Amino acid sequence: MSKLYIVPTPIGNLKDMTFRAIEVLNAADLILAEDTRTSGKLLKHYQITTQMQSHHMHNEHKTVDSLIQKLKAGTTIAIISDAGTPAISDPGFLLTRACVEHDIEVDCLPGATAFVPALVNSGFPNDKFIFEGFLPVKKGRQTRLKLLAEETRTIIFYESPHKLNKTLGHFCEYFGEDRPVSVSRELTKLYEETIRGKAKQVLEHYTNKPPKGEIVIVVAGKSK
């Protein structure tokens, strides 16, 4: 029976690839990749020669139906993103939902995802937390921030380096300058770092030292 495999890939360090992930990618009939150039480097490193097809946020709406037909016809498909677990702020949700609707088996492998080490590194309570991913760029951003200002659980965000200071400034405005914040950057890579402090302090740090690389922000919940 055909199956969709959701396969996490390393978020930086190639050694974080699991044995099972390599096995599944080798055995699949087709690999859906967010960026075939980026994924091509990973597959070459592990000598995986399975055919790849581009599957990203700009074409996934158009390709879901044809992929479902391939799965129904017996094709085994694995989906990967550029880094981490597909469908977590990356393509994968639409195809997974379609498979569930058509009674096609879905198997998500355990593996790397950026927010887990960032959450643990923060030192904030992690028994209860919420994952927000990327904040709205414009419409709905202010409304979302006002709502999250009252959240008592630890909050996790993804952000791009060129928008980090803007977002930290909004945290100072809506959550308060003294709200504890932890910013993890370049997780598992050579220049990995985590900067912790009050929102105002962390903003000052990155104002003086513009950030680079992939970023996860963890914000302490509002004190009860």
N, C-alpha and C. Protein backbone atom coordinates (compact mmCIF):
# COMPACT_ATOMS: atom_id res chain seq x y z
N MET A 1 0.85 -1.19 0.00
CA MET A 1 0.00 0.00 0.00
C MET A 1 0.88 1.24 0.00
N SER A 2 0.51 2.24 -0.79
CA SER A 2 1.27 3.48 -0.83
C SER A 2 1.12 4.24 0.48
N LYS A 3 2.06 5.14 0.70
CA LYS A 3 2.07 5.89 1.95
C LYS A 3 2.80 7.20 1.73
N LEU A 4 2.37 8.22 2.49
CA LEU A 4 3.11 9.47 2.53
C LEU A 4 3.97 9.48 3.79
N TYR A 5 5.27 9.64 3.61
CA TYR A 5 6.19 9.77 4.73
C TYR A 5 6.57 11.24 4.90
N ILE A 6 6.42 11.74 6.11
CA ILE A 6 6.87 13.10 6.44
C ILE A 6 8.22 12.94 7.14
N VAL A 7 9.26 13.44 6.50
CA VAL A 7 10.63 13.13 6.95
C VAL A 7 11.35 14.41 7.40
N PRO A 8 11.63 14.54 8.69
CA PRO A 8 12.41 15.69 9.17
C PRO A 8 13.85 15.61 8.67
N THR A 9 14.43 16.78 8.40
CA THR A 9 15.83 16.85 8.00
C THR A 9 16.57 17.77 8.96
N PRO A 10 17.89 17.71 9.01
CA PRO A 10 18.64 18.53 9.97
C PRO A 10 18.36 20.02 9.83
N ILE A 11 18.38 20.73 10.95
CA ILE A 11 18.18 22.17 10.92
C ILE A 11 19.51 22.90 10.74
N GLY A 12 20.60 22.15 10.69
CA GLY A 12 21.91 22.75 10.50
C GLY A 12 22.99 21.70 10.39
N ASN A 13 23.17 20.96 11.45
CA ASN A 13 24.21 19.94 11.51
C ASN A 13 23.75 18.67 10.80
N LEU A 14 24.44 18.28 9.73
CA LEU A 14 24.03 17.13 8.93
C LEU A 14 24.04 15.83 9.72
N LYS A 15 24.77 15.79 10.83
CA LYS A 15 24.83 14.57 11.63
C LYS A 15 23.52 14.30 12.37
N ASP A 16 22.61 15.27 12.36
CA ASP A 16 21.32 15.08 13.03
C ASP A 16 20.31 14.33 12.17
N MET A 17 20.70 13.88 11.01
CA MET A 17 19.85 13.04 10.17
C MET A 17 19.75 11.66 10.81
N THR A 18 18.55 11.09 10.90
CA THR A 18 18.39 9.78 11.54
C THR A 18 18.61 8.65 10.53
N PHE A 19 18.97 7.48 11.05
CA PHE A 19 19.14 6.30 10.20
C PHE A 19 17.85 5.98 9.47
N ARG A 20 16.73 6.11 10.17
CA ARG A 20 15.44 5.77 9.57
C ARG A 20 15.09 6.74 8.45
N ALA A 21 15.39 8.02 8.65
CA ALA A 21 15.10 9.00 7.60
C ALA A 21 15.86 8.66 6.32
N ILE A 22 17.11 8.29 6.44
CA ILE A 22 17.91 7.91 5.28
C ILE A 22 17.31 6.68 4.60
N GLU A 23 16.90 5.73 5.42
CA GLU A 23 16.30 4.49 4.90
C GLU A 23 15.02 4.78 4.12
N VAL A 24 14.16 5.64 4.68
CA VAL A 24 12.89 5.96 4.03
C VAL A 24 13.11 6.73 2.72
N LEU A 25 14.02 7.69 2.74
CA LEU A 25 14.28 8.47 1.53
C LEU A 25 14.88 7.61 0.42
N ASN A 26 15.66 6.63 0.80
CA ASN A 26 16.21 5.71 -0.20
C ASN A 26 15.13 4.80 -0.79
N ALA A 27 14.18 4.40 0.04
CA ALA A 27 13.16 3.45 -0.39
C ALA A 27 11.99 4.10 -1.12
N ALA A 28 11.77 5.39 -0.92
CA ALA A 28 10.62 6.08 -1.53
C ALA A 28 10.73 6.10 -3.05
N ASP A 29 9.58 6.18 -3.71
CA ASP A 29 9.56 6.32 -5.16
C ASP A 29 9.80 7.76 -5.59
N LEU A 30 9.41 8.70 -4.71
CA LEU A 30 9.50 10.12 -5.04
C LEU A 30 9.71 10.93 -3.76
N ILE A 31 10.59 11.92 -3.84
CA ILE A 31 10.80 12.84 -2.73
C ILE A 31 10.31 14.22 -3.13
N LEU A 32 9.41 14.79 -2.32
CA LEU A 32 8.95 16.16 -2.52
C LEU A 32 9.85 17.07 -1.69
N ALA A 33 10.49 18.03 -2.33
CA ALA A 33 11.45 18.89 -1.66
C ALA A 33 11.05 20.35 -1.80
N GLU A 34 11.18 21.09 -0.70
CA GLU A 34 10.84 22.52 -0.72
C GLU A 34 11.73 23.27 -1.70
N ASP A 35 13.01 22.97 -1.69
CA ASP A 35 13.97 23.54 -2.64
C ASP A 35 14.89 22.41 -3.07
N THR A 36 14.77 21.99 -4.31
CA THR A 36 15.53 20.82 -4.76
C THR A 36 17.03 21.07 -4.74
N ARG A 37 17.46 22.32 -4.86
CA ARG A 37 18.90 22.62 -4.81
C ARG A 37 19.44 22.42 -3.39
N THR A 38 18.69 22.93 -2.41
CA THR A 38 19.10 22.76 -1.01
C THR A 38 19.07 21.29 -0.61
N SER A 39 17.96 20.62 -0.93
CA SER A 39 17.82 19.21 -0.57
C SER A 39 18.79 18.33 -1.34
N GLY A 40 19.14 18.77 -2.55
CA GLY A 40 20.07 18.00 -3.36
C GLY A 40 21.41 17.81 -2.66
N LYS A 41 21.86 18.82 -1.93
CA LYS A 41 23.12 18.73 -1.19
C LYS A 41 23.02 17.68 -0.08
N LEU A 42 21.86 17.67 0.60
CA LEU A 42 21.66 16.70 1.67
C LEU A 42 21.62 15.28 1.10
N LEU A 43 20.86 15.09 0.03
CA LEU A 43 20.74 13.76 -0.56
C LEU A 43 22.09 13.27 -1.10
N LYS A 44 22.85 14.17 -1.70
CA LYS A 44 24.17 13.79 -2.21
C LYS A 44 25.09 13.37 -1.07
N HIS A 45 25.00 14.08 0.06
CA HIS A 45 25.85 13.76 1.22
C HIS A 45 25.58 12.34 1.70
N TYR A 46 24.31 11.92 1.65
CA TYR A 46 23.95 10.58 2.12
C TYR A 46 23.76 9.58 0.98
N GLN A 47 24.19 9.97 -0.21
CA GLN A 47 24.17 9.09 -1.39
C GLN A 47 22.76 8.55 -1.67
N ILE A 48 21.78 9.45 -1.56
CA ILE A 48 20.40 9.10 -1.85
C ILE A 48 20.09 9.58 -3.27
N THR A 49 19.65 8.66 -4.12
CA THR A 49 19.46 8.97 -5.54
C THR A 49 17.98 9.00 -5.96
N THR A 50 17.07 8.95 -5.01
CA THR A 50 15.64 8.97 -5.32
C THR A 50 15.26 10.25 -6.07
N GLN A 51 14.36 10.12 -7.01
CA GLN A 51 13.89 11.26 -7.80
C GLN A 51 13.25 12.31 -6.89
N MET A 52 13.55 13.58 -7.18
CA MET A 52 12.96 14.68 -6.43
C MET A 52 11.99 15.48 -7.29
N GLN A 53 11.02 16.09 -6.62
CA GLN A 53 10.07 17.01 -7.27
C GLN A 53 9.89 18.23 -6.38
N SER A 54 9.85 19.40 -6.97
CA SER A 54 9.68 20.63 -6.20
C SER A 54 8.28 20.70 -5.59
N HIS A 55 8.23 21.03 -4.30
CA HIS A 55 6.95 21.14 -3.60
C HIS A 55 7.09 22.22 -2.54
N HIS A 56 6.61 23.42 -2.85
CA HIS A 56 6.79 24.56 -1.96
C HIS A 56 5.50 25.36 -1.83
N MET A 57 5.54 26.43 -1.04
CA MET A 57 4.34 27.18 -0.71
C MET A 57 3.67 27.82 -1.94
N HIS A 58 4.43 28.00 -3.02
CA HIS A 58 3.88 28.66 -4.19
C HIS A 58 3.22 27.69 -5.17
N ASN A 59 3.48 26.39 -5.01
CA ASN A 59 2.87 25.45 -5.96
C ASN A 59 2.09 24.31 -5.30
N GLU A 60 2.14 24.22 -3.96
CA GLU A 60 1.52 23.07 -3.31
C GLU A 60 0.01 23.00 -3.52
N HIS A 61 -0.67 24.16 -3.64
CA HIS A 61 -2.11 24.14 -3.88
C HIS A 61 -2.44 23.49 -5.23
N LYS A 62 -1.55 23.70 -6.20
CA LYS A 62 -1.81 23.21 -7.56
C LYS A 62 -1.45 21.74 -7.74
N THR A 63 -0.58 21.22 -6.89
CA THR A 63 -0.06 19.87 -7.11
C THR A 63 -0.68 18.80 -6.21
N VAL A 64 -1.45 19.21 -5.22
CA VAL A 64 -1.99 18.23 -4.27
C VAL A 64 -2.82 17.16 -4.96
N ASP A 65 -3.72 17.55 -5.85
CA ASP A 65 -4.60 16.57 -6.51
C ASP A 65 -3.80 15.52 -7.29
N SER A 66 -2.80 15.97 -8.04
CA SER A 66 -2.00 15.03 -8.83
C SER A 66 -1.19 14.11 -7.93
N LEU A 67 -0.72 14.63 -6.81
CA LEU A 67 0.04 13.80 -5.88
C LEU A 67 -0.85 12.75 -5.22
N ILE A 68 -2.07 13.14 -4.91
CA ILE A 68 -3.03 12.17 -4.35
C ILE A 68 -3.27 11.04 -5.34
N GLN A 69 -3.39 11.38 -6.61
CA GLN A 69 -3.59 10.34 -7.63
C GLN A 69 -2.39 9.41 -7.72
N LYS A 70 -1.19 9.96 -7.59
CA LYS A 70 0.01 9.12 -7.59
C LYS A 70 0.02 8.18 -6.39
N LEU A 71 -0.35 8.70 -5.24
CA LEU A 71 -0.39 7.86 -4.04
C LEU A 71 -1.44 6.76 -4.19
N LYS A 72 -2.58 7.10 -4.74
CA LYS A 72 -3.64 6.10 -4.94
C LYS A 72 -3.19 5.01 -5.92
N ALA A 73 -2.31 5.40 -6.83
CA ALA A 73 -1.83 4.46 -7.84
C ALA A 73 -0.70 3.57 -7.32
N GLY A 74 -0.28 3.82 -6.07
CA GLY A 74 0.72 2.96 -5.47
C GLY A 74 2.09 3.58 -5.28
N THR A 75 2.23 4.86 -5.57
CA THR A 75 3.51 5.54 -5.41
C THR A 75 3.77 5.84 -3.93
N THR A 76 4.94 5.53 -3.45
CA THR A 76 5.33 5.90 -2.09
C THR A 76 6.08 7.22 -2.16
N ILE A 77 5.59 8.21 -1.41
CA ILE A 77 6.14 9.56 -1.47
C ILE A 77 6.68 9.97 -0.10
N ALA A 78 7.83 10.60 -0.11
CA ALA A 78 8.40 11.21 1.10
C ALA A 78 8.48 12.71 0.88
N ILE A 79 8.10 13.48 1.89
CA ILE A 79 8.18 14.93 1.78
C ILE A 79 9.20 15.46 2.78
N ILE A 80 10.06 16.37 2.31
CA ILE A 80 11.05 17.01 3.17
C ILE A 80 10.99 18.51 2.95
N SER A 81 11.42 19.27 3.94
CA SER A 81 11.55 20.72 3.78
C SER A 81 13.03 21.07 3.78
N ASP A 82 13.35 22.33 3.65
CA ASP A 82 14.76 22.73 3.63
C ASP A 82 15.45 22.37 4.93
N ALA A 83 14.71 22.43 6.04
CA ALA A 83 15.28 22.10 7.35
C ALA A 83 14.15 21.84 8.33
N GLY A 84 14.34 20.86 9.19
CA GLY A 84 13.33 20.58 10.21
C GLY A 84 12.22 19.68 9.72
N THR A 85 11.09 19.76 10.40
CA THR A 85 9.94 18.88 10.13
C THR A 85 8.96 19.55 9.18
N PRO A 86 8.63 18.93 8.06
CA PRO A 86 7.64 19.49 7.14
C PRO A 86 6.32 19.75 7.85
N ALA A 87 5.62 20.78 7.38
CA ALA A 87 4.31 21.21 7.90
C ALA A 87 4.42 22.08 9.15
N ILE A 88 5.61 22.18 9.77
CA ILE A 88 5.80 23.10 10.88
C ILE A 88 6.37 24.39 10.30
N SER A 89 5.49 25.34 9.99
CA SER A 89 5.87 26.58 9.31
C SER A 89 6.57 26.30 7.98
N ASP A 90 6.26 25.18 7.37
CA ASP A 90 6.81 24.77 6.07
C ASP A 90 5.74 24.00 5.31
N PRO A 91 5.91 23.82 3.99
CA PRO A 91 4.93 23.04 3.23
C PRO A 91 4.77 21.63 3.79
N GLY A 92 3.59 21.07 3.63
CA GLY A 92 3.34 19.70 4.08
C GLY A 92 1.94 19.51 4.63
N PHE A 93 1.36 20.57 5.20
CA PHE A 93 0.04 20.44 5.81
C PHE A 93 -1.03 20.09 4.79
N LEU A 94 -1.05 20.79 3.66
CA LEU A 94 -2.11 20.59 2.66
C LEU A 94 -2.12 19.16 2.14
N LEU A 95 -0.95 18.62 1.85
CA LEU A 95 -0.88 17.25 1.34
C LEU A 95 -1.25 16.25 2.42
N THR A 96 -0.80 16.49 3.64
CA THR A 96 -1.15 15.60 4.76
C THR A 96 -2.66 15.56 4.96
N ARG A 97 -3.29 16.73 4.96
CA ARG A 97 -4.74 16.80 5.13
C ARG A 97 -5.46 16.06 4.01
N ALA A 98 -4.98 16.23 2.79
CA ALA A 98 -5.61 15.56 1.65
C ALA A 98 -5.47 14.04 1.76
N CYS A 99 -4.32 13.58 2.25
CA CYS A 99 -4.13 12.13 2.44
C CYS A 99 -5.11 11.58 3.48
N VAL A 100 -5.28 12.31 4.57
CA VAL A 100 -6.22 11.89 5.61
C VAL A 100 -7.63 11.81 5.04
N GLU A 101 -7.99 12.81 4.24
CA GLU A 101 -9.33 12.84 3.64
C GLU A 101 -9.56 11.68 2.67
N HIS A 102 -8.49 11.20 2.04
CA HIS A 102 -8.61 10.12 1.06
C HIS A 102 -8.18 8.76 1.63
N ASP A 103 -8.07 8.68 2.96
CA ASP A 103 -7.71 7.42 3.64
C ASP A 103 -6.38 6.86 3.16
N ILE A 104 -5.44 7.76 2.87
CA ILE A 104 -4.08 7.35 2.52
C ILE A 104 -3.23 7.44 3.78
N GLU A 105 -2.47 6.40 4.05
CA GLU A 105 -1.70 6.35 5.29
C GLU A 105 -0.61 7.42 5.31
N VAL A 106 -0.46 8.07 6.46
CA VAL A 106 0.57 9.08 6.67
C VAL A 106 1.45 8.63 7.83
N ASP A 107 2.76 8.73 7.64
CA ASP A 107 3.71 8.33 8.68
C ASP A 107 4.72 9.45 8.87
N CYS A 108 4.64 10.15 10.01
CA CYS A 108 5.57 11.23 10.31
C CYS A 108 6.70 10.70 11.17
N LEU A 109 7.91 10.76 10.65
CA LEU A 109 9.07 10.31 11.41
C LEU A 109 9.45 11.34 12.47
N PRO A 110 9.94 10.90 13.61
CA PRO A 110 10.46 11.86 14.60
C PRO A 110 11.79 12.41 14.12
N GLY A 111 12.08 13.63 14.52
CA GLY A 111 13.36 14.21 14.08
C GLY A 111 13.45 15.68 14.44
N ALA A 112 14.37 16.34 13.77
CA ALA A 112 14.72 17.72 14.11
C ALA A 112 13.57 18.70 13.86
N THR A 113 13.42 19.63 14.79
CA THR A 113 12.58 20.80 14.61
C THR A 113 13.15 21.90 15.50
N ALA A 114 13.22 23.11 14.98
CA ALA A 114 14.01 24.16 15.64
C ALA A 114 13.44 24.60 16.99
N PHE A 115 12.11 24.59 17.14
CA PHE A 115 11.57 25.22 18.34
C PHE A 115 11.82 24.43 19.63
N VAL A 116 12.03 23.12 19.51
CA VAL A 116 12.22 22.32 20.73
C VAL A 116 13.53 22.66 21.44
N PRO A 117 14.69 22.62 20.77
CA PRO A 117 15.91 23.02 21.49
C PRO A 117 15.89 24.46 21.94
N ALA A 118 15.26 25.35 21.17
CA ALA A 118 15.17 26.76 21.58
C ALA A 118 14.36 26.89 22.86
N LEU A 119 13.26 26.16 22.95
CA LEU A 119 12.41 26.19 24.14
C LEU A 119 13.18 25.68 25.36
N VAL A 120 13.86 24.55 25.20
CA VAL A 120 14.59 23.97 26.32
C VAL A 120 15.76 24.88 26.72
N ASN A 121 16.46 25.44 25.73
CA ASN A 121 17.59 26.33 26.01
C ASN A 121 17.18 27.60 26.75
N SER A 122 15.94 28.02 26.56
CA SER A 122 15.49 29.29 27.13
C SER A 122 15.49 29.28 28.66
N GLY A 123 15.24 28.12 29.23
CA GLY A 123 15.12 28.03 30.68
C GLY A 123 13.75 28.45 31.19
N PHE A 124 12.83 28.76 30.27
CA PHE A 124 11.47 29.12 30.65
C PHE A 124 10.63 27.85 30.88
N PRO A 125 9.52 27.95 31.61
CA PRO A 125 8.68 26.78 31.82
C PRO A 125 8.27 26.14 30.49
N ASN A 126 8.45 24.84 30.37
CA ASN A 126 8.09 24.16 29.12
C ASN A 126 7.08 23.04 29.31
N ASP A 127 6.44 23.03 30.49
CA ASP A 127 5.38 22.05 30.70
C ASP A 127 4.13 22.45 29.93
N LYS A 128 3.96 23.75 29.73
CA LYS A 128 2.86 24.27 28.92
C LYS A 128 3.41 25.42 28.07
N PHE A 129 3.20 25.33 26.76
CA PHE A 129 3.68 26.38 25.87
C PHE A 129 2.81 26.44 24.62
N ILE A 130 2.91 27.53 23.88
CA ILE A 130 2.20 27.64 22.60
C ILE A 130 3.20 28.00 21.51
N PHE A 131 2.97 27.44 20.34
CA PHE A 131 3.83 27.71 19.18
C PHE A 131 3.09 28.63 18.23
N GLU A 132 3.62 29.82 18.02
CA GLU A 132 2.98 30.81 17.15
C GLU A 132 3.58 30.85 15.75
N GLY A 133 4.77 30.32 15.58
CA GLY A 133 5.41 30.41 14.26
C GLY A 133 5.71 31.86 13.92
N PHE A 134 5.46 32.23 12.67
CA PHE A 134 5.70 33.61 12.24
C PHE A 134 4.48 34.47 12.53
N LEU A 135 4.70 35.65 13.11
CA LEU A 135 3.62 36.61 13.31
C LEU A 135 3.15 37.15 11.97
N PRO A 136 1.88 37.60 11.89
CA PRO A 136 1.44 38.27 10.67
C PRO A 136 2.35 39.45 10.35
N VAL A 137 2.64 39.66 9.09
CA VAL A 137 3.54 40.75 8.71
C VAL A 137 2.88 42.10 8.91
N LYS A 138 1.63 42.23 8.46
CA LYS A 138 0.92 43.51 8.59
C LYS A 138 -0.46 43.30 9.19
N LYS A 139 -1.41 42.87 8.38
CA LYS A 139 -2.79 42.72 8.83
C LYS A 139 -2.89 41.69 9.94
N GLY A 140 -3.47 42.09 11.05
CA GLY A 140 -3.69 41.17 12.16
C GLY A 140 -2.54 41.10 13.15
N ARG A 141 -1.43 41.74 12.85
CA ARG A 141 -0.26 41.66 13.74
C ARG A 141 -0.55 42.32 15.09
N GLN A 142 -1.08 43.55 15.08
CA GLN A 142 -1.36 44.26 16.32
C GLN A 142 -2.38 43.52 17.16
N THR A 143 -3.42 43.00 16.51
CA THR A 143 -4.45 42.25 17.22
C THR A 143 -3.86 41.01 17.88
N ARG A 144 -2.98 40.31 17.14
CA ARG A 144 -2.38 39.10 17.67
C ARG A 144 -1.48 39.40 18.87
N LEU A 145 -0.71 40.47 18.77
CA LEU A 145 0.20 40.84 19.85
C LEU A 145 -0.57 41.24 21.11
N LYS A 146 -1.66 41.96 20.94
CA LYS A 146 -2.47 42.35 22.10
C LYS A 146 -3.05 41.12 22.79
N LEU A 147 -3.46 40.15 22.00
CA LEU A 147 -4.00 38.91 22.57
C LEU A 147 -2.91 38.12 23.30
N LEU A 148 -1.74 38.02 22.68
CA LEU A 148 -0.65 37.24 23.27
C LEU A 148 -0.05 37.91 24.50
N ALA A 149 -0.25 39.21 24.63
CA ALA A 149 0.27 39.93 25.80
C ALA A 149 -0.32 39.38 27.10
N GLU A 150 -1.50 38.77 27.02
CA GLU A 150 -2.17 38.22 28.21
C GLU A 150 -1.91 36.73 28.39
N GLU A 151 -1.18 36.12 27.45
CA GLU A 151 -0.91 34.68 27.51
C GLU A 151 0.05 34.36 28.66
N THR A 152 -0.34 33.38 29.48
CA THR A 152 0.49 33.01 30.64
C THR A 152 1.45 31.86 30.34
N ARG A 153 1.25 31.18 29.22
CA ARG A 153 2.16 30.10 28.85
C ARG A 153 3.36 30.65 28.07
N THR A 154 4.43 29.91 28.05
CA THR A 154 5.60 30.27 27.26
C THR A 154 5.20 30.31 25.78
N ILE A 155 5.70 31.32 25.06
CA ILE A 155 5.31 31.52 23.66
C ILE A 155 6.54 31.39 22.76
N ILE A 156 6.39 30.66 21.65
CA ILE A 156 7.50 30.43 20.73
C ILE A 156 7.18 31.05 19.36
N PHE A 157 8.14 31.79 18.83
CA PHE A 157 7.99 32.43 17.52
C PHE A 157 9.16 32.06 16.62
N TYR A 158 8.93 32.06 15.31
CA TYR A 158 10.00 32.04 14.33
C TYR A 158 10.12 33.46 13.77
N GLU A 159 11.34 33.85 13.42
CA GLU A 159 11.51 35.18 12.82
C GLU A 159 12.73 35.20 11.91
N SER A 160 12.68 36.04 10.89
CA SER A 160 13.83 36.22 10.00
C SER A 160 14.77 37.25 10.61
N PRO A 161 16.07 37.21 10.29
CA PRO A 161 17.02 38.11 10.94
C PRO A 161 16.74 39.59 10.68
N HIS A 162 16.28 39.93 9.48
CA HIS A 162 16.06 41.35 9.18
C HIS A 162 14.80 41.92 9.81
N LYS A 163 13.96 41.05 10.39
CA LYS A 163 12.75 41.52 11.08
C LYS A 163 12.83 41.34 12.59
N LEU A 164 13.94 40.78 13.08
CA LEU A 164 14.04 40.46 14.50
C LEU A 164 13.90 41.70 15.38
N ASN A 165 14.62 42.78 15.06
CA ASN A 165 14.58 43.96 15.91
C ASN A 165 13.19 44.61 15.92
N LYS A 166 12.53 44.59 14.78
CA LYS A 166 11.17 45.12 14.71
C LYS A 166 10.25 44.33 15.64
N THR A 167 10.38 43.02 15.60
CA THR A 167 9.56 42.16 16.45
C THR A 167 9.89 42.35 17.92
N LEU A 168 11.17 42.42 18.26
CA LEU A 168 11.56 42.66 19.65
C LEU A 168 11.03 44.01 20.14
N GLY A 169 11.03 45.01 19.25
CA GLY A 169 10.46 46.31 19.60
C GLY A 169 8.98 46.22 19.90
N HIS A 170 8.28 45.40 19.12
CA HIS A 170 6.85 45.20 19.38
C HIS A 170 6.63 44.45 20.69
N PHE A 171 7.53 43.53 21.03
CA PHE A 171 7.41 42.84 22.32
C PHE A 171 7.56 43.84 23.46
N CYS A 172 8.50 44.76 23.31
CA CYS A 172 8.68 45.80 24.34
C CYS A 172 7.40 46.63 24.47
N GLU A 173 6.79 46.93 23.35
CA GLU A 173 5.60 47.78 23.34
C GLU A 173 4.37 47.08 23.90
N TYR A 174 4.16 45.83 23.50
CA TYR A 174 2.92 45.14 23.86
C TYR A 174 3.06 44.23 25.09
N PHE A 175 4.24 43.64 25.29
CA PHE A 175 4.44 42.73 26.41
C PHE A 175 5.12 43.42 27.59
N GLY A 176 5.78 44.54 27.30
CA GLY A 176 6.52 45.25 28.35
C GLY A 176 8.03 45.04 28.19
N GLU A 177 8.81 46.08 28.47
CA GLU A 177 10.26 46.03 28.28
C GLU A 177 10.93 45.01 29.19
N ASP A 178 10.29 44.66 30.30
CA ASP A 178 10.90 43.75 31.27
C ASP A 178 10.51 42.28 31.05
N ARG A 179 9.71 42.00 30.02
CA ARG A 179 9.31 40.60 29.79
C ARG A 179 10.53 39.77 29.40
N PRO A 180 10.78 38.65 30.07
CA PRO A 180 11.93 37.80 29.74
C PRO A 180 11.81 37.21 28.33
N VAL A 181 12.91 37.27 27.59
CA VAL A 181 12.96 36.81 26.21
C VAL A 181 14.24 36.00 26.01
N SER A 182 14.16 34.98 25.17
CA SER A 182 15.34 34.19 24.80
C SER A 182 15.36 34.06 23.28
N VAL A 183 16.46 34.44 22.67
CA VAL A 183 16.60 34.34 21.21
C VAL A 183 17.68 33.32 20.89
N SER A 184 17.31 32.25 20.20
CA SER A 184 18.27 31.24 19.77
C SER A 184 18.49 31.40 18.27
N ARG A 185 19.76 31.40 17.89
CA ARG A 185 20.13 31.68 16.50
C ARG A 185 21.09 30.61 15.99
N GLU A 186 20.89 30.18 14.75
CA GLU A 186 21.78 29.22 14.11
C GLU A 186 21.93 27.92 14.92
N LEU A 187 20.81 27.41 15.41
CA LEU A 187 20.82 26.19 16.21
C LEU A 187 21.51 25.04 15.49
N THR A 188 22.35 24.32 16.19
CA THR A 188 23.15 23.16 15.77
C THR A 188 24.29 23.53 14.83
N LYS A 189 24.43 24.79 14.47
CA LYS A 189 25.49 25.21 13.54
C LYS A 189 26.70 25.74 14.30
N LEU A 190 27.74 26.08 13.56
CA LEU A 190 29.01 26.49 14.15
C LEU A 190 28.88 27.70 15.05
N TYR A 191 28.07 28.69 14.62
CA TYR A 191 27.95 29.93 15.39
C TYR A 191 26.64 30.00 16.18
N GLU A 192 26.16 28.86 16.63
CA GLU A 192 24.95 28.81 17.45
C GLU A 192 25.10 29.69 18.70
N GLU A 193 24.04 30.42 19.02
CA GLU A 193 24.05 31.21 20.25
C GLU A 193 22.63 31.39 20.77
N THR A 194 22.52 31.57 22.07
CA THR A 194 21.25 31.91 22.70
C THR A 194 21.47 33.12 23.59
N ILE A 195 20.72 34.19 23.33
CA ILE A 195 20.81 35.42 24.11
C ILE A 195 19.54 35.54 24.95
N ARG A 196 19.72 35.64 26.27
CA ARG A 196 18.58 35.72 27.17
C ARG A 196 18.61 37.04 27.93
N GLY A 197 17.43 37.53 28.29
CA GLY A 197 17.36 38.76 29.07
C GLY A 197 15.99 39.38 28.96
N LYS A 198 15.84 40.56 29.48
CA LYS A 198 14.59 41.30 29.31
C LYS A 198 14.47 41.76 27.86
N ALA A 199 13.25 41.94 27.42
CA ALA A 199 13.01 42.29 26.01
C ALA A 199 13.85 43.48 25.57
N LYS A 200 13.92 44.51 26.42
CA LYS A 200 14.68 45.71 26.08
C LYS A 200 16.16 45.40 25.96
N GLN A 201 16.69 44.56 26.83
CA GLN A 201 18.10 44.20 26.81
C GLN A 201 18.46 43.41 25.55
N VAL A 202 17.61 42.47 25.19
CA VAL A 202 17.87 41.65 24.00
C VAL A 202 17.78 42.51 22.74
N LEU A 203 16.83 43.43 22.71
CA LEU A 203 16.72 44.36 21.58
C LEU A 203 17.98 45.20 21.46
N GLU A 204 18.48 45.70 22.58
CA GLU A 204 19.71 46.51 22.56
C GLU A 204 20.89 45.68 22.03
N HIS A 205 20.94 44.42 22.44
CA HIS A 205 22.03 43.55 21.99
C HIS A 205 22.03 43.43 20.47
N TYR A 206 20.86 43.14 19.90
CA TYR A 206 20.80 42.91 18.45
C TYR A 206 20.76 44.22 17.65
N THR A 207 20.48 45.34 18.32
CA THR A 207 20.63 46.63 17.67
C THR A 207 22.11 46.93 17.43
N ASN A 208 22.92 46.54 18.41
CA ASN A 208 24.36 46.75 18.31
C ASN A 208 25.07 45.66 17.52
N LYS A 209 24.42 44.50 17.43
CA LYS A 209 25.02 43.36 16.72
C LYS A 209 23.95 42.72 15.83
N PRO A 210 23.76 43.26 14.62
CA PRO A 210 22.71 42.74 13.73
C PRO A 210 22.82 41.23 13.55
N PRO A 211 21.70 40.53 13.69
CA PRO A 211 21.72 39.07 13.65
C PRO A 211 21.79 38.50 12.24
N LYS A 212 22.26 37.28 12.16
CA LYS A 212 22.24 36.52 10.91
C LYS A 212 21.69 35.14 11.20
N GLY A 213 21.21 34.46 10.17
CA GLY A 213 20.81 33.07 10.31
C GLY A 213 19.37 32.87 10.74
N GLU A 214 19.04 31.60 10.97
CA GLU A 214 17.69 31.21 11.38
C GLU A 214 17.48 31.53 12.85
N ILE A 215 16.28 32.04 13.19
CA ILE A 215 16.05 32.55 14.54
C ILE A 215 14.76 31.99 15.15
N VAL A 216 14.85 31.61 16.41
CA VAL A 216 13.67 31.23 17.21
C VAL A 216 13.64 32.13 18.43
N ILE A 217 12.48 32.75 18.67
CA ILE A 217 12.31 33.61 19.84
C ILE A 217 11.39 32.89 20.83
N VAL A 218 11.81 32.83 22.07
CA VAL A 218 10.96 32.25 23.13
C VAL A 218 10.68 33.36 24.14
N VAL A 219 9.40 33.57 24.44
CA VAL A 219 8.98 34.65 25.34
C VAL A 219 8.29 34.05 26.56
N ALA A 220 8.70 34.46 27.73
CA ALA A 220 8.04 33.99 28.94
C ALA A 220 6.60 34.46 28.97
N GLY A 221 5.70 33.66 29.50
CA GLY A 221 4.32 34.05 29.61
C GLY A 221 4.13 35.15 30.65
N LYS A 222 2.99 35.79 30.59
CA LYS A 222 2.68 36.86 31.55
C LYS A 222 2.59 36.28 32.96
N SER A 223 3.21 36.94 33.89
CA SER A 223 3.17 36.48 35.28
C SER A 223 1.75 36.52 35.81
N LYS A 224 1.38 35.46 36.53
CA LYS A 224 0.02 35.41 37.06
C LYS A 224 -0.09 36.25 38.33
